[in-house]
Amino acid sequence: MTDQDIAGLQRRLAEFAAARRWEPYHTPKNLAAALSVEASELVEIFQWLTPEESARVMEDADSAHRVTDEVADVLAYLLQFCEVLGVDPLKALAAKIERNEERFPAP
């Protein structure tokens, strides 16, 4: 596994937290709350933009950097949350897509 796959990223995040002795704080409740905060910080970037401005947000270097950082934070907390609870995020997403395809058939 590499640092670029899900398991590799989860391993790096776990090692990072362990080196700092943060494991006691990485409970499902705390990770879910942190995930919500980071998602809110992503939303904040777009809060007062028009739909047109939001579509162009990656054209501005500062905004692109902010968006990229918040996306990374959201993904990091989601991967840590999944690791702690034993959820395979790729399997969970594939199953959800299948359910949605059944619930919402294409016209």
N, C-alpha and C. Protein backbone atom coordinates (compact mmCIF):
# COMPACT_ATOMS: atom_id res chain seq x y z
N MET A 1 0.83 -1.17 0.00
CA MET A 1 0.00 0.00 0.00
C MET A 1 0.88 1.25 0.00
N THR A 2 0.38 2.27 -0.65
CA THR A 2 1.13 3.52 -0.73
C THR A 2 0.44 4.58 0.11
N ASP A 3 1.11 5.71 0.26
CA ASP A 3 0.50 6.83 0.98
C ASP A 3 -0.63 7.45 0.19
N GLN A 4 -0.81 7.04 -1.06
CA GLN A 4 -1.84 7.63 -1.90
C GLN A 4 -3.12 6.82 -1.93
N ASP A 5 -3.18 5.67 -1.26
CA ASP A 5 -4.44 4.92 -1.20
C ASP A 5 -5.09 5.14 0.16
N ILE A 6 -6.33 4.74 0.27
CA ILE A 6 -7.10 5.00 1.50
C ILE A 6 -6.41 4.39 2.72
N ALA A 7 -6.03 3.13 2.64
CA ALA A 7 -5.40 2.47 3.79
C ALA A 7 -4.08 3.13 4.15
N GLY A 8 -3.31 3.53 3.16
CA GLY A 8 -2.04 4.20 3.41
C GLY A 8 -2.22 5.54 4.09
N LEU A 9 -3.22 6.28 3.63
CA LEU A 9 -3.51 7.58 4.26
C LEU A 9 -4.00 7.39 5.68
N GLN A 10 -4.85 6.38 5.89
CA GLN A 10 -5.32 6.12 7.25
C GLN A 10 -4.17 5.73 8.16
N ARG A 11 -3.23 4.94 7.65
CA ARG A 11 -2.07 4.55 8.44
C ARG A 11 -1.24 5.79 8.82
N ARG A 12 -0.99 6.67 7.84
CA ARG A 12 -0.22 7.89 8.13
C ARG A 12 -0.91 8.76 9.17
N LEU A 13 -2.25 8.90 9.04
CA LEU A 13 -2.99 9.69 10.02
C LEU A 13 -2.91 9.07 11.41
N ALA A 14 -3.02 7.74 11.49
CA ALA A 14 -2.93 7.05 12.78
C ALA A 14 -1.53 7.22 13.38
N GLU A 15 -0.51 7.11 12.55
CA GLU A 15 0.87 7.28 13.03
C GLU A 15 1.09 8.72 13.52
N PHE A 16 0.56 9.67 12.79
CA PHE A 16 0.68 11.08 13.16
C PHE A 16 0.05 11.31 14.53
N ALA A 17 -1.17 10.80 14.71
CA ALA A 17 -1.88 10.97 15.98
C ALA A 17 -1.16 10.23 17.11
N ALA A 18 -0.68 9.03 16.84
CA ALA A 18 0.01 8.24 17.87
C ALA A 18 1.29 8.93 18.32
N ALA A 19 2.03 9.50 17.40
CA ALA A 19 3.28 10.17 17.74
C ALA A 19 3.04 11.35 18.67
N ARG A 20 1.85 11.91 18.63
CA ARG A 20 1.50 13.06 19.47
C ARG A 20 0.63 12.67 20.67
N ARG A 21 0.38 11.36 20.78
CA ARG A 21 -0.45 10.80 21.86
C ARG A 21 -1.87 11.37 21.85
N TRP A 22 -2.42 11.50 20.65
CA TRP A 22 -3.77 12.04 20.51
C TRP A 22 -4.85 10.96 20.47
N GLU A 23 -4.49 9.69 20.50
CA GLU A 23 -5.50 8.64 20.36
C GLU A 23 -6.65 8.75 21.36
N PRO A 24 -6.38 9.13 22.63
CA PRO A 24 -7.51 9.22 23.58
C PRO A 24 -8.58 10.23 23.14
N TYR A 25 -8.19 11.20 22.34
CA TYR A 25 -9.13 12.23 21.90
C TYR A 25 -9.83 11.86 20.60
N HIS A 26 -9.34 10.84 19.94
CA HIS A 26 -9.91 10.46 18.65
C HIS A 26 -11.02 9.43 18.82
N THR A 27 -12.03 9.85 19.55
CA THR A 27 -13.23 9.03 19.75
C THR A 27 -14.19 9.30 18.59
N PRO A 28 -15.13 8.38 18.34
CA PRO A 28 -16.11 8.65 17.27
C PRO A 28 -16.82 9.99 17.45
N LYS A 29 -17.20 10.32 18.68
CA LYS A 29 -17.90 11.59 18.93
C LYS A 29 -17.02 12.78 18.57
N ASN A 30 -15.79 12.78 19.04
CA ASN A 30 -14.89 13.90 18.77
C ASN A 30 -14.54 14.01 17.29
N LEU A 31 -14.32 12.89 16.64
CA LEU A 31 -14.00 12.92 15.22
C LEU A 31 -15.19 13.38 14.39
N ALA A 32 -16.40 12.95 14.76
CA ALA A 32 -17.59 13.42 14.05
C ALA A 32 -17.76 14.93 14.22
N ALA A 33 -17.52 15.41 15.42
CA ALA A 33 -17.62 16.86 15.65
C ALA A 33 -16.57 17.61 14.85
N ALA A 34 -15.34 17.12 14.85
CA ALA A 34 -14.27 17.77 14.09
C ALA A 34 -14.58 17.76 12.59
N LEU A 35 -15.12 16.66 12.12
CA LEU A 35 -15.52 16.56 10.71
C LEU A 35 -16.56 17.62 10.38
N SER A 36 -17.52 17.80 11.26
CA SER A 36 -18.56 18.81 11.05
C SER A 36 -17.97 20.21 11.03
N VAL A 37 -17.05 20.49 11.92
CA VAL A 37 -16.41 21.81 11.97
C VAL A 37 -15.65 22.08 10.68
N GLU A 38 -14.89 21.10 10.22
CA GLU A 38 -14.11 21.29 8.99
C GLU A 38 -15.03 21.44 7.77
N ALA A 39 -16.12 20.68 7.73
CA ALA A 39 -17.08 20.84 6.63
C ALA A 39 -17.68 22.24 6.66
N SER A 40 -17.94 22.74 7.86
CA SER A 40 -18.47 24.10 7.99
C SER A 40 -17.47 25.14 7.51
N GLU A 41 -16.19 24.90 7.77
CA GLU A 41 -15.16 25.83 7.29
C GLU A 41 -15.10 25.82 5.76
N LEU A 42 -15.35 24.69 5.15
CA LEU A 42 -15.42 24.62 3.68
C LEU A 42 -16.63 25.41 3.18
N VAL A 43 -17.76 25.23 3.83
CA VAL A 43 -18.97 25.97 3.46
C VAL A 43 -18.76 27.47 3.60
N GLU A 44 -18.03 27.87 4.64
CA GLU A 44 -17.80 29.29 4.89
C GLU A 44 -17.13 29.99 3.70
N ILE A 45 -16.26 29.30 3.01
CA ILE A 45 -15.58 29.87 1.84
C ILE A 45 -16.59 30.29 0.78
N PHE A 46 -17.65 29.53 0.65
CA PHE A 46 -18.65 29.75 -0.40
C PHE A 46 -19.87 30.54 0.07
N GLN A 47 -19.94 30.82 1.35
CA GLN A 47 -21.15 31.35 1.97
C GLN A 47 -21.79 32.51 1.22
N TRP A 48 -21.05 33.52 0.84
CA TRP A 48 -21.66 34.70 0.25
C TRP A 48 -21.34 34.84 -1.25
N LEU A 49 -20.84 33.78 -1.85
CA LEU A 49 -20.55 33.83 -3.28
C LEU A 49 -21.81 33.56 -4.09
N THR A 50 -21.89 34.15 -5.25
CA THR A 50 -22.98 33.81 -6.17
C THR A 50 -22.67 32.43 -6.75
N PRO A 51 -23.66 31.78 -7.36
CA PRO A 51 -23.37 30.50 -8.01
C PRO A 51 -22.23 30.61 -9.03
N GLU A 52 -22.21 31.71 -9.74
CA GLU A 52 -21.17 31.90 -10.76
C GLU A 52 -19.78 32.06 -10.11
N GLU A 53 -19.73 32.84 -9.04
CA GLU A 53 -18.46 33.02 -8.32
C GLU A 53 -17.97 31.70 -7.72
N SER A 54 -18.89 30.95 -7.19
CA SER A 54 -18.50 29.67 -6.57
C SER A 54 -17.94 28.70 -7.61
N ALA A 55 -18.44 28.76 -8.82
CA ALA A 55 -17.95 27.88 -9.89
C ALA A 55 -16.52 28.24 -10.30
N ARG A 56 -16.13 29.48 -10.03
CA ARG A 56 -14.79 29.96 -10.41
C ARG A 56 -13.82 30.04 -9.23
N VAL A 57 -14.17 29.51 -8.08
CA VAL A 57 -13.38 29.69 -6.87
C VAL A 57 -11.96 29.16 -7.01
N MET A 58 -11.76 28.14 -7.82
CA MET A 58 -10.42 27.56 -7.96
C MET A 58 -9.52 28.38 -8.88
N GLU A 59 -10.07 29.41 -9.51
CA GLU A 59 -9.27 30.27 -10.39
C GLU A 59 -8.42 31.27 -9.60
N ASP A 60 -8.82 31.55 -8.37
CA ASP A 60 -8.08 32.47 -7.50
C ASP A 60 -7.16 31.63 -6.62
N ALA A 61 -5.86 31.91 -6.65
CA ALA A 61 -4.87 31.10 -5.94
C ALA A 61 -5.15 31.01 -4.44
N ASP A 62 -5.48 32.13 -3.81
CA ASP A 62 -5.74 32.12 -2.37
C ASP A 62 -6.98 31.28 -2.05
N SER A 63 -8.05 31.48 -2.79
CA SER A 63 -9.27 30.70 -2.57
C SER A 63 -9.04 29.23 -2.85
N ALA A 64 -8.31 28.94 -3.91
CA ALA A 64 -8.03 27.54 -4.26
C ALA A 64 -7.25 26.86 -3.14
N HIS A 65 -6.29 27.58 -2.57
CA HIS A 65 -5.51 27.03 -1.46
C HIS A 65 -6.40 26.75 -0.25
N ARG A 66 -7.28 27.70 0.06
CA ARG A 66 -8.21 27.52 1.20
C ARG A 66 -9.13 26.33 0.98
N VAL A 67 -9.69 26.22 -0.24
CA VAL A 67 -10.59 25.11 -0.55
C VAL A 67 -9.84 23.78 -0.43
N THR A 68 -8.67 23.72 -1.01
CA THR A 68 -7.88 22.49 -0.98
C THR A 68 -7.54 22.08 0.45
N ASP A 69 -7.16 23.04 1.28
CA ASP A 69 -6.86 22.74 2.68
C ASP A 69 -8.08 22.21 3.41
N GLU A 70 -9.23 22.83 3.20
CA GLU A 70 -10.44 22.37 3.90
C GLU A 70 -10.89 21.01 3.41
N VAL A 71 -10.77 20.76 2.11
CA VAL A 71 -11.09 19.42 1.59
C VAL A 71 -10.19 18.38 2.26
N ALA A 72 -8.90 18.70 2.39
CA ALA A 72 -7.97 17.78 3.05
C ALA A 72 -8.36 17.54 4.50
N ASP A 73 -8.76 18.60 5.20
CA ASP A 73 -9.17 18.46 6.60
C ASP A 73 -10.41 17.58 6.73
N VAL A 74 -11.39 17.80 5.86
CA VAL A 74 -12.62 17.00 5.88
C VAL A 74 -12.28 15.53 5.62
N LEU A 75 -11.48 15.29 4.60
CA LEU A 75 -11.13 13.91 4.28
C LEU A 75 -10.33 13.26 5.40
N ALA A 76 -9.40 14.00 5.99
CA ALA A 76 -8.59 13.44 7.08
C ALA A 76 -9.48 13.00 8.25
N TYR A 77 -10.39 13.86 8.65
CA TYR A 77 -11.26 13.49 9.77
C TYR A 77 -12.21 12.35 9.39
N LEU A 78 -12.69 12.34 8.17
CA LEU A 78 -13.56 11.24 7.74
C LEU A 78 -12.80 9.92 7.75
N LEU A 79 -11.58 9.92 7.24
CA LEU A 79 -10.79 8.69 7.23
C LEU A 79 -10.46 8.22 8.64
N GLN A 80 -10.15 9.15 9.54
CA GLN A 80 -9.89 8.78 10.93
C GLN A 80 -11.14 8.23 11.59
N PHE A 81 -12.27 8.85 11.32
CA PHE A 81 -13.56 8.39 11.85
C PHE A 81 -13.83 6.96 11.39
N CYS A 82 -13.65 6.72 10.10
CA CYS A 82 -13.87 5.37 9.55
C CYS A 82 -12.92 4.35 10.16
N GLU A 83 -11.68 4.74 10.35
CA GLU A 83 -10.68 3.84 10.93
C GLU A 83 -11.08 3.44 12.35
N VAL A 84 -11.49 4.42 13.15
CA VAL A 84 -11.85 4.15 14.54
C VAL A 84 -13.06 3.22 14.64
N LEU A 85 -14.01 3.38 13.73
CA LEU A 85 -15.23 2.57 13.78
C LEU A 85 -15.18 1.32 12.91
N GLY A 86 -14.11 1.17 12.14
CA GLY A 86 -14.00 -0.02 11.28
C GLY A 86 -14.89 0.04 10.05
N VAL A 87 -15.16 1.23 9.57
CA VAL A 87 -15.98 1.40 8.36
C VAL A 87 -15.05 1.48 7.16
N ASP A 88 -15.33 0.69 6.14
CA ASP A 88 -14.58 0.79 4.88
C ASP A 88 -15.27 1.86 4.05
N PRO A 89 -14.65 3.04 3.90
CA PRO A 89 -15.35 4.14 3.23
C PRO A 89 -15.66 3.85 1.76
N LEU A 90 -14.83 3.11 1.07
CA LEU A 90 -15.10 2.81 -0.34
C LEU A 90 -16.26 1.83 -0.47
N LYS A 91 -16.31 0.83 0.39
CA LYS A 91 -17.44 -0.11 0.38
C LYS A 91 -18.73 0.59 0.78
N ALA A 92 -18.64 1.47 1.78
CA ALA A 92 -19.82 2.21 2.22
C ALA A 92 -20.37 3.07 1.09
N LEU A 93 -19.48 3.75 0.37
CA LEU A 93 -19.93 4.59 -0.74
C LEU A 93 -20.50 3.76 -1.87
N ALA A 94 -19.87 2.66 -2.21
CA ALA A 94 -20.38 1.81 -3.29
C ALA A 94 -21.78 1.29 -2.94
N ALA A 95 -21.97 0.87 -1.70
CA ALA A 95 -23.28 0.38 -1.27
C ALA A 95 -24.33 1.49 -1.32
N LYS A 96 -23.94 2.69 -0.92
CA LYS A 96 -24.88 3.82 -0.93
C LYS A 96 -25.26 4.18 -2.36
N ILE A 97 -24.31 4.17 -3.27
CA ILE A 97 -24.63 4.45 -4.68
C ILE A 97 -25.61 3.42 -5.21
N GLU A 98 -25.39 2.15 -4.89
CA GLU A 98 -26.30 1.10 -5.34
C GLU A 98 -27.71 1.33 -4.80
N ARG A 99 -27.82 1.66 -3.51
CA ARG A 99 -29.14 1.94 -2.94
C ARG A 99 -29.80 3.14 -3.61
N ASN A 100 -29.02 4.18 -3.87
CA ASN A 100 -29.57 5.37 -4.52
C ASN A 100 -30.00 5.07 -5.95
N GLU A 101 -29.27 4.23 -6.65
CA GLU A 101 -29.66 3.86 -8.01
C GLU A 101 -31.02 3.14 -8.02
N GLU A 102 -31.26 2.36 -6.97
CA GLU A 102 -32.56 1.69 -6.85
C GLU A 102 -33.65 2.67 -6.42
N ARG A 103 -33.32 3.54 -5.49
CA ARG A 103 -34.30 4.51 -4.98
C ARG A 103 -34.66 5.57 -6.00
N PHE A 104 -33.70 5.98 -6.81
CA PHE A 104 -33.89 7.07 -7.76
C PHE A 104 -33.52 6.61 -9.17
N PRO A 105 -34.36 5.79 -9.77
CA PRO A 105 -34.02 5.29 -11.12
C PRO A 105 -33.99 6.44 -12.13
N ALA A 106 -33.10 6.31 -13.08
CA ALA A 106 -33.00 7.32 -14.13
C ALA A 106 -34.28 7.30 -14.97
N PRO A 107 -34.71 8.46 -15.42
CA PRO A 107 -35.96 8.51 -16.22
C PRO A 107 -35.79 7.81 -17.56
